[in-house]
Amino acid sequence: MKDFILKYLFRIDPNTPGQNLLKSFTALFPEATNVEWSKEKENRFEVIFRINGNEQIALFEKSGKWLRTETNCKIEELDESIREKLEAFGQIMSSIYREKANNVDSYEFIIRDHFQVRHIFITDSEGNITERRNFDEGELL
């Protein structure tokens, strides 16, 4: 009902980012192209965009506060020591660098083992595994 009132009586769409959020996004990512916004929760928005051809996803509070950015990384661009640690578990299929507002950065990898089973590995910024689970079942290993 609240969304209906805002949208049709006051011509405010609560599902679009406000000026503070747009200013914050533009300040952090001035080179962003192909920008697509979506509302995630009551006060959170996700934006998918590209910078220099790399897809990124950022999460913001409606107030404009940046929470995190996820960047798809090319396997060959990973630090060699990180790549070696993870390749011991199988073939790295994808990697995402996760930068957070609390300065606790991490990676998320999808790795296919020798039995063709996919696993999700979460590592710290140095490639040390902090979490591992089966991709298809979501269970922690």
N, C-alpha and C. Protein backbone atom coordinates (compact mmCIF):
# COMPACT_ATOMS: atom_id res chain seq x y z
N MET A 1 0.82 -1.19 0.00
CA MET A 1 0.00 0.00 0.00
C MET A 1 0.87 1.26 0.00
N LYS A 2 1.94 1.22 0.82
CA LYS A 2 2.84 2.38 0.91
C LYS A 2 3.44 2.68 -0.46
N ASP A 3 3.92 1.63 -1.16
CA ASP A 3 4.51 1.81 -2.49
C ASP A 3 3.48 2.38 -3.46
N PHE A 4 2.24 1.91 -3.37
CA PHE A 4 1.18 2.39 -4.23
C PHE A 4 0.95 3.88 -4.02
N ILE A 5 0.86 4.31 -2.77
CA ILE A 5 0.63 5.72 -2.44
C ILE A 5 1.77 6.58 -2.96
N LEU A 6 3.01 6.15 -2.70
CA LEU A 6 4.16 6.92 -3.16
C LEU A 6 4.20 7.03 -4.68
N LYS A 7 3.94 5.93 -5.34
CA LYS A 7 4.07 5.88 -6.80
C LYS A 7 2.96 6.64 -7.52
N TYR A 8 1.73 6.48 -7.08
CA TYR A 8 0.62 7.04 -7.84
C TYR A 8 0.10 8.37 -7.32
N LEU A 9 0.21 8.63 -6.04
CA LEU A 9 -0.26 9.91 -5.52
C LEU A 9 0.84 10.97 -5.54
N PHE A 10 2.07 10.56 -5.19
CA PHE A 10 3.16 11.53 -5.11
C PHE A 10 4.15 11.43 -6.27
N ARG A 11 3.89 10.50 -7.20
CA ARG A 11 4.76 10.29 -8.36
C ARG A 11 6.20 9.99 -7.97
N ILE A 12 6.38 9.25 -6.89
CA ILE A 12 7.69 8.80 -6.43
C ILE A 12 7.71 7.29 -6.55
N ASP A 13 8.67 6.76 -7.28
CA ASP A 13 8.78 5.32 -7.42
C ASP A 13 9.78 4.81 -6.38
N PRO A 14 9.32 4.11 -5.34
CA PRO A 14 10.22 3.63 -4.29
C PRO A 14 11.18 2.54 -4.77
N ASN A 15 10.98 2.04 -5.97
CA ASN A 15 11.85 1.00 -6.51
C ASN A 15 13.00 1.55 -7.36
N THR A 16 13.15 2.87 -7.39
CA THR A 16 14.26 3.47 -8.11
C THR A 16 15.18 4.16 -7.10
N PRO A 17 16.47 4.19 -7.41
CA PRO A 17 17.41 4.83 -6.49
C PRO A 17 17.18 6.34 -6.44
N GLY A 18 17.38 6.91 -5.26
CA GLY A 18 17.21 8.36 -5.09
C GLY A 18 18.46 9.12 -5.49
N GLN A 19 18.39 10.43 -5.38
CA GLN A 19 19.50 11.30 -5.78
C GLN A 19 20.77 11.04 -4.97
N ASN A 20 20.66 10.82 -3.66
CA ASN A 20 21.85 10.55 -2.84
C ASN A 20 22.55 9.29 -3.30
N LEU A 21 21.78 8.28 -3.60
CA LEU A 21 22.34 7.01 -4.06
C LEU A 21 23.01 7.18 -5.42
N LEU A 22 22.36 7.87 -6.32
CA LEU A 22 22.93 8.08 -7.65
C LEU A 22 24.22 8.90 -7.58
N LYS A 23 24.25 9.90 -6.72
CA LYS A 23 25.46 10.71 -6.54
C LYS A 23 26.60 9.86 -5.98
N SER A 24 26.29 9.04 -5.00
CA SER A 24 27.30 8.17 -4.39
C SER A 24 27.85 7.19 -5.43
N PHE A 25 26.97 6.59 -6.21
CA PHE A 25 27.39 5.65 -7.24
C PHE A 25 28.29 6.34 -8.26
N THR A 26 27.88 7.50 -8.74
CA THR A 26 28.65 8.23 -9.74
C THR A 26 30.02 8.64 -9.21
N ALA A 27 30.08 9.01 -7.94
CA ALA A 27 31.36 9.39 -7.34
C ALA A 27 32.31 8.19 -7.24
N LEU A 28 31.78 7.02 -6.89
CA LEU A 28 32.60 5.82 -6.76
C LEU A 28 32.97 5.18 -8.09
N PHE A 29 32.05 5.26 -9.05
CA PHE A 29 32.24 4.57 -10.33
C PHE A 29 31.96 5.51 -11.50
N PRO A 30 32.77 6.56 -11.66
CA PRO A 30 32.49 7.56 -12.71
C PRO A 30 32.59 7.00 -14.14
N GLU A 31 33.30 5.91 -14.33
CA GLU A 31 33.49 5.34 -15.66
C GLU A 31 32.49 4.22 -15.98
N ALA A 32 31.49 4.02 -15.13
CA ALA A 32 30.54 2.92 -15.31
C ALA A 32 29.69 3.11 -16.56
N THR A 33 29.47 2.00 -17.26
CA THR A 33 28.58 1.99 -18.42
C THR A 33 27.60 0.82 -18.25
N ASN A 34 26.58 0.79 -19.08
CA ASN A 34 25.57 -0.28 -19.06
C ASN A 34 25.01 -0.48 -17.65
N VAL A 35 24.58 0.57 -17.03
CA VAL A 35 24.13 0.56 -15.63
C VAL A 35 22.69 0.08 -15.54
N GLU A 36 22.46 -0.93 -14.67
CA GLU A 36 21.11 -1.47 -14.43
C GLU A 36 20.86 -1.56 -12.93
N TRP A 37 19.81 -0.90 -12.47
CA TRP A 37 19.47 -0.88 -11.04
C TRP A 37 18.35 -1.86 -10.74
N SER A 38 18.38 -2.42 -9.53
CA SER A 38 17.25 -3.22 -9.03
C SER A 38 17.18 -3.05 -7.51
N LYS A 39 15.96 -3.07 -7.02
CA LYS A 39 15.75 -2.97 -5.57
C LYS A 39 15.86 -4.36 -4.98
N GLU A 40 16.70 -4.53 -3.95
CA GLU A 40 16.92 -5.83 -3.33
C GLU A 40 16.05 -6.02 -2.09
N LYS A 41 16.12 -5.08 -1.20
CA LYS A 41 15.33 -5.12 0.04
C LYS A 41 14.75 -3.73 0.24
N GLU A 42 14.07 -3.54 1.35
CA GLU A 42 13.41 -2.27 1.63
C GLU A 42 14.33 -1.07 1.42
N ASN A 43 15.53 -1.14 1.93
CA ASN A 43 16.43 0.01 1.85
C ASN A 43 17.74 -0.31 1.14
N ARG A 44 17.75 -1.32 0.27
CA ARG A 44 18.98 -1.70 -0.43
C ARG A 44 18.74 -1.82 -1.93
N PHE A 45 19.74 -1.36 -2.67
CA PHE A 45 19.69 -1.44 -4.12
C PHE A 45 20.95 -2.11 -4.65
N GLU A 46 20.78 -2.87 -5.72
CA GLU A 46 21.90 -3.50 -6.40
C GLU A 46 22.02 -2.86 -7.77
N VAL A 47 23.25 -2.65 -8.19
CA VAL A 47 23.48 -2.08 -9.51
C VAL A 47 24.51 -2.94 -10.24
N ILE A 48 24.18 -3.31 -11.47
CA ILE A 48 25.08 -4.08 -12.32
C ILE A 48 25.59 -3.11 -13.38
N PHE A 49 26.90 -3.14 -13.62
CA PHE A 49 27.49 -2.20 -14.56
C PHE A 49 28.81 -2.75 -15.09
N ARG A 50 29.40 -2.04 -16.01
CA ARG A 50 30.69 -2.44 -16.58
C ARG A 50 31.67 -1.28 -16.48
N ILE A 51 32.93 -1.64 -16.19
CA ILE A 51 34.04 -0.69 -16.24
C ILE A 51 35.15 -1.38 -17.01
N ASN A 52 35.60 -0.75 -18.08
CA ASN A 52 36.64 -1.33 -18.94
C ASN A 52 36.30 -2.75 -19.39
N GLY A 53 35.03 -3.00 -19.65
CA GLY A 53 34.61 -4.31 -20.13
C GLY A 53 34.36 -5.35 -19.05
N ASN A 54 34.74 -5.06 -17.80
CA ASN A 54 34.54 -6.01 -16.70
C ASN A 54 33.20 -5.75 -16.01
N GLU A 55 32.42 -6.82 -15.84
CA GLU A 55 31.14 -6.67 -15.15
C GLU A 55 31.36 -6.56 -13.65
N GLN A 56 30.64 -5.64 -13.03
CA GLN A 56 30.69 -5.46 -11.60
C GLN A 56 29.27 -5.35 -11.06
N ILE A 57 29.12 -5.73 -9.80
CA ILE A 57 27.84 -5.60 -9.11
C ILE A 57 28.12 -4.90 -7.79
N ALA A 58 27.39 -3.82 -7.52
CA ALA A 58 27.58 -3.10 -6.26
C ALA A 58 26.27 -3.09 -5.49
N LEU A 59 26.39 -3.08 -4.18
CA LEU A 59 25.23 -3.03 -3.30
C LEU A 59 25.31 -1.74 -2.47
N PHE A 60 24.23 -1.01 -2.43
CA PHE A 60 24.14 0.25 -1.70
C PHE A 60 22.90 0.27 -0.81
N GLU A 61 23.00 1.03 0.26
CA GLU A 61 21.80 1.38 1.02
C GLU A 61 21.12 2.52 0.28
N LYS A 62 19.83 2.67 0.48
CA LYS A 62 19.08 3.73 -0.20
C LYS A 62 19.66 5.11 0.11
N SER A 63 20.27 5.25 1.28
CA SER A 63 20.86 6.53 1.69
C SER A 63 22.06 6.91 0.83
N GLY A 64 22.60 5.94 0.10
CA GLY A 64 23.78 6.18 -0.72
C GLY A 64 25.03 5.52 -0.15
N LYS A 65 24.91 4.91 1.02
CA LYS A 65 26.07 4.25 1.62
C LYS A 65 26.41 2.99 0.82
N TRP A 66 27.68 2.93 0.37
CA TRP A 66 28.17 1.77 -0.36
C TRP A 66 28.45 0.64 0.61
N LEU A 67 28.02 -0.59 0.26
CA LEU A 67 28.23 -1.76 1.11
C LEU A 67 29.28 -2.71 0.55
N ARG A 68 29.19 -3.02 -0.75
CA ARG A 68 30.19 -3.92 -1.34
C ARG A 68 30.12 -3.87 -2.87
N THR A 69 31.22 -4.33 -3.46
CA THR A 69 31.29 -4.47 -4.91
C THR A 69 31.87 -5.84 -5.22
N GLU A 70 31.28 -6.51 -6.20
CA GLU A 70 31.79 -7.78 -6.68
C GLU A 70 32.22 -7.59 -8.13
N THR A 71 33.44 -8.04 -8.43
CA THR A 71 34.00 -7.88 -9.76
C THR A 71 34.37 -9.24 -10.32
N ASN A 72 33.84 -9.57 -11.49
CA ASN A 72 34.23 -10.80 -12.17
C ASN A 72 35.68 -10.66 -12.61
N CYS A 73 36.50 -11.62 -12.22
CA CYS A 73 37.94 -11.59 -12.53
C CYS A 73 38.27 -12.67 -13.55
N LYS A 74 39.15 -12.33 -14.46
CA LYS A 74 39.65 -13.33 -15.39
C LYS A 74 40.68 -14.18 -14.65
N ILE A 75 40.62 -15.48 -14.86
CA ILE A 75 41.50 -16.42 -14.15
C ILE A 75 42.97 -16.03 -14.35
N GLU A 76 43.32 -15.68 -15.56
CA GLU A 76 44.72 -15.35 -15.85
C GLU A 76 45.19 -14.06 -15.17
N GLU A 77 44.25 -13.26 -14.68
CA GLU A 77 44.62 -12.02 -13.98
C GLU A 77 44.81 -12.21 -12.48
N LEU A 78 44.47 -13.39 -11.97
CA LEU A 78 44.64 -13.67 -10.54
C LEU A 78 46.12 -13.73 -10.19
N ASP A 79 46.43 -13.35 -8.97
CA ASP A 79 47.80 -13.49 -8.47
C ASP A 79 48.18 -14.97 -8.56
N GLU A 80 49.39 -15.26 -9.02
CA GLU A 80 49.82 -16.64 -9.24
C GLU A 80 49.75 -17.49 -7.97
N SER A 81 50.11 -16.91 -6.83
CA SER A 81 50.08 -17.68 -5.58
C SER A 81 48.65 -18.07 -5.20
N ILE A 82 47.70 -17.18 -5.45
CA ILE A 82 46.29 -17.50 -5.17
C ILE A 82 45.82 -18.59 -6.12
N ARG A 83 46.15 -18.43 -7.38
CA ARG A 83 45.73 -19.41 -8.39
C ARG A 83 46.28 -20.80 -8.06
N GLU A 84 47.54 -20.88 -7.66
CA GLU A 84 48.15 -22.18 -7.33
C GLU A 84 47.46 -22.84 -6.14
N LYS A 85 47.11 -22.06 -5.11
CA LYS A 85 46.42 -22.62 -3.94
C LYS A 85 45.10 -23.25 -4.34
N LEU A 86 44.36 -22.59 -5.21
CA LEU A 86 43.03 -23.07 -5.56
C LEU A 86 43.05 -24.15 -6.62
N GLU A 87 44.02 -24.12 -7.53
CA GLU A 87 44.10 -25.15 -8.56
C GLU A 87 44.41 -26.52 -7.98
N ALA A 88 44.91 -26.58 -6.76
CA ALA A 88 45.15 -27.86 -6.10
C ALA A 88 43.84 -28.62 -5.88
N PHE A 89 42.70 -27.90 -5.90
CA PHE A 89 41.40 -28.52 -5.68
C PHE A 89 40.68 -28.87 -6.98
N GLY A 90 41.21 -28.40 -8.10
CA GLY A 90 40.59 -28.67 -9.39
C GLY A 90 40.68 -27.48 -10.31
N GLN A 91 39.81 -27.45 -11.32
CA GLN A 91 39.81 -26.39 -12.32
C GLN A 91 39.02 -25.19 -11.82
N ILE A 92 39.64 -24.02 -11.83
CA ILE A 92 38.93 -22.79 -11.46
C ILE A 92 38.05 -22.39 -12.63
N MET A 93 36.75 -22.37 -12.41
CA MET A 93 35.81 -22.04 -13.47
C MET A 93 35.45 -20.56 -13.48
N SER A 94 35.38 -19.95 -12.30
CA SER A 94 35.10 -18.52 -12.23
C SER A 94 35.66 -17.96 -10.93
N SER A 95 35.91 -16.66 -10.95
CA SER A 95 36.39 -16.00 -9.75
C SER A 95 35.77 -14.62 -9.66
N ILE A 96 35.41 -14.26 -8.46
CA ILE A 96 34.81 -12.96 -8.18
C ILE A 96 35.55 -12.34 -7.02
N TYR A 97 36.01 -11.11 -7.21
CA TYR A 97 36.65 -10.37 -6.14
C TYR A 97 35.58 -9.57 -5.42
N ARG A 98 35.49 -9.72 -4.09
CA ARG A 98 34.46 -9.05 -3.29
C ARG A 98 35.12 -8.01 -2.39
N GLU A 99 34.83 -6.76 -2.68
CA GLU A 99 35.36 -5.63 -1.92
C GLU A 99 34.22 -5.12 -1.03
N LYS A 100 34.48 -5.04 0.28
CA LYS A 100 33.43 -4.65 1.21
C LYS A 100 33.78 -3.35 1.93
N ALA A 101 32.74 -2.66 2.37
CA ALA A 101 32.91 -1.39 3.06
C ALA A 101 33.69 -1.57 4.37
N ASN A 102 33.63 -2.74 4.97
CA ASN A 102 34.33 -2.98 6.25
C ASN A 102 35.79 -3.36 6.05
N ASN A 103 36.29 -3.21 4.82
CA ASN A 103 37.69 -3.50 4.47
C ASN A 103 38.08 -4.97 4.62
N VAL A 104 37.11 -5.88 4.65
CA VAL A 104 37.40 -7.31 4.68
C VAL A 104 37.10 -7.85 3.28
N ASP A 105 38.11 -7.75 2.41
CA ASP A 105 37.95 -8.19 1.03
C ASP A 105 38.14 -9.69 0.92
N SER A 106 37.53 -10.27 -0.10
CA SER A 106 37.62 -11.72 -0.27
C SER A 106 37.42 -12.08 -1.74
N TYR A 107 37.57 -13.36 -2.03
CA TYR A 107 37.28 -13.91 -3.35
C TYR A 107 36.24 -15.00 -3.20
N GLU A 108 35.48 -15.21 -4.26
CA GLU A 108 34.58 -16.36 -4.37
C GLU A 108 34.96 -17.09 -5.65
N PHE A 109 35.25 -18.37 -5.51
CA PHE A 109 35.65 -19.18 -6.66
C PHE A 109 34.66 -20.33 -6.85
N ILE A 110 34.42 -20.68 -8.08
CA ILE A 110 33.74 -21.93 -8.40
C ILE A 110 34.81 -22.83 -9.00
N ILE A 111 35.00 -23.99 -8.37
CA ILE A 111 36.05 -24.93 -8.79
C ILE A 111 35.41 -26.28 -9.06
N ARG A 112 35.78 -26.85 -10.20
CA ARG A 112 35.28 -28.19 -10.56
C ARG A 112 36.39 -29.19 -10.25
N ASP A 113 36.04 -30.18 -9.40
CA ASP A 113 37.05 -31.16 -9.01
C ASP A 113 37.22 -32.24 -10.09
N HIS A 114 38.05 -33.23 -9.80
CA HIS A 114 38.37 -34.28 -10.77
C HIS A 114 37.19 -35.21 -11.05
N PHE A 115 36.15 -35.14 -10.21
CA PHE A 115 34.93 -35.94 -10.41
C PHE A 115 33.84 -35.12 -11.10
N GLN A 116 34.20 -33.92 -11.57
CA GLN A 116 33.30 -33.00 -12.25
C GLN A 116 32.25 -32.39 -11.31
N VAL A 117 32.51 -32.41 -10.02
CA VAL A 117 31.62 -31.80 -9.03
C VAL A 117 32.10 -30.37 -8.78
N ARG A 118 31.16 -29.43 -8.79
CA ARG A 118 31.51 -28.02 -8.58
C ARG A 118 31.40 -27.66 -7.10
N HIS A 119 32.34 -26.84 -6.66
CA HIS A 119 32.39 -26.37 -5.27
C HIS A 119 32.57 -24.86 -5.27
N ILE A 120 32.04 -24.24 -4.24
CA ILE A 120 32.26 -22.81 -4.02
C ILE A 120 33.29 -22.66 -2.92
N PHE A 121 34.33 -21.90 -3.20
CA PHE A 121 35.36 -21.60 -2.22
C PHE A 121 35.34 -20.11 -1.95
N ILE A 122 35.31 -19.74 -0.69
CA ILE A 122 35.45 -18.35 -0.28
C ILE A 122 36.84 -18.24 0.35
N THR A 123 37.61 -17.25 -0.08
CA THR A 123 38.95 -17.08 0.46
C THR A 123 39.13 -15.64 0.93
N ASP A 124 40.15 -15.44 1.73
CA ASP A 124 40.51 -14.07 2.07
C ASP A 124 41.25 -13.47 0.87
N SER A 125 41.72 -12.25 1.00
CA SER A 125 42.36 -11.58 -0.13
C SER A 125 43.70 -12.21 -0.52
N GLU A 126 44.22 -13.10 0.34
CA GLU A 126 45.48 -13.80 0.05
C GLU A 126 45.25 -15.19 -0.55
N GLY A 127 43.98 -15.60 -0.65
CA GLY A 127 43.67 -16.91 -1.21
C GLY A 127 43.55 -18.02 -0.18
N ASN A 128 43.57 -17.69 1.11
CA ASN A 128 43.39 -18.69 2.16
C ASN A 128 41.91 -19.01 2.30
N ILE A 129 41.56 -20.28 2.26
CA ILE A 129 40.16 -20.71 2.26
C ILE A 129 39.52 -20.45 3.61
N THR A 130 38.38 -19.74 3.58
CA THR A 130 37.62 -19.47 4.80
C THR A 130 36.29 -20.23 4.83
N GLU A 131 35.84 -20.67 3.64
CA GLU A 131 34.58 -21.40 3.56
C GLU A 131 34.58 -22.22 2.27
N ARG A 132 33.96 -23.40 2.34
CA ARG A 132 33.86 -24.27 1.17
C ARG A 132 32.53 -25.00 1.23
N ARG A 133 31.82 -25.06 0.09
CA ARG A 133 30.56 -25.81 0.04
C ARG A 133 30.33 -26.36 -1.35
N ASN A 134 29.50 -27.37 -1.41
CA ASN A 134 29.13 -27.98 -2.67
C ASN A 134 28.26 -26.98 -3.43
N PHE A 135 28.58 -26.72 -4.65
CA PHE A 135 27.87 -25.72 -5.47
C PHE A 135 26.41 -26.06 -5.65
N ASP A 136 26.12 -27.30 -5.99
CA ASP A 136 24.76 -27.70 -6.32
C ASP A 136 23.86 -27.87 -5.11
N GLU A 137 24.42 -28.21 -3.99
CA GLU A 137 23.62 -28.47 -2.81
C GLU A 137 23.70 -27.37 -1.78
N GLY A 138 24.69 -26.47 -1.90
CA GLY A 138 24.83 -25.37 -0.98
C GLY A 138 25.30 -25.74 0.40
N GLU A 139 25.67 -27.00 0.61
CA GLU A 139 26.08 -27.45 1.93
C GLU A 139 27.54 -27.12 2.21
N LEU A 140 27.84 -26.78 3.44
CA LEU A 140 29.21 -26.51 3.83
C LEU A 140 30.00 -27.81 3.87
N LEU A 141 31.25 -27.75 3.44
CA LEU A 141 32.11 -28.93 3.47
C LEU A 141 33.22 -28.72 4.49
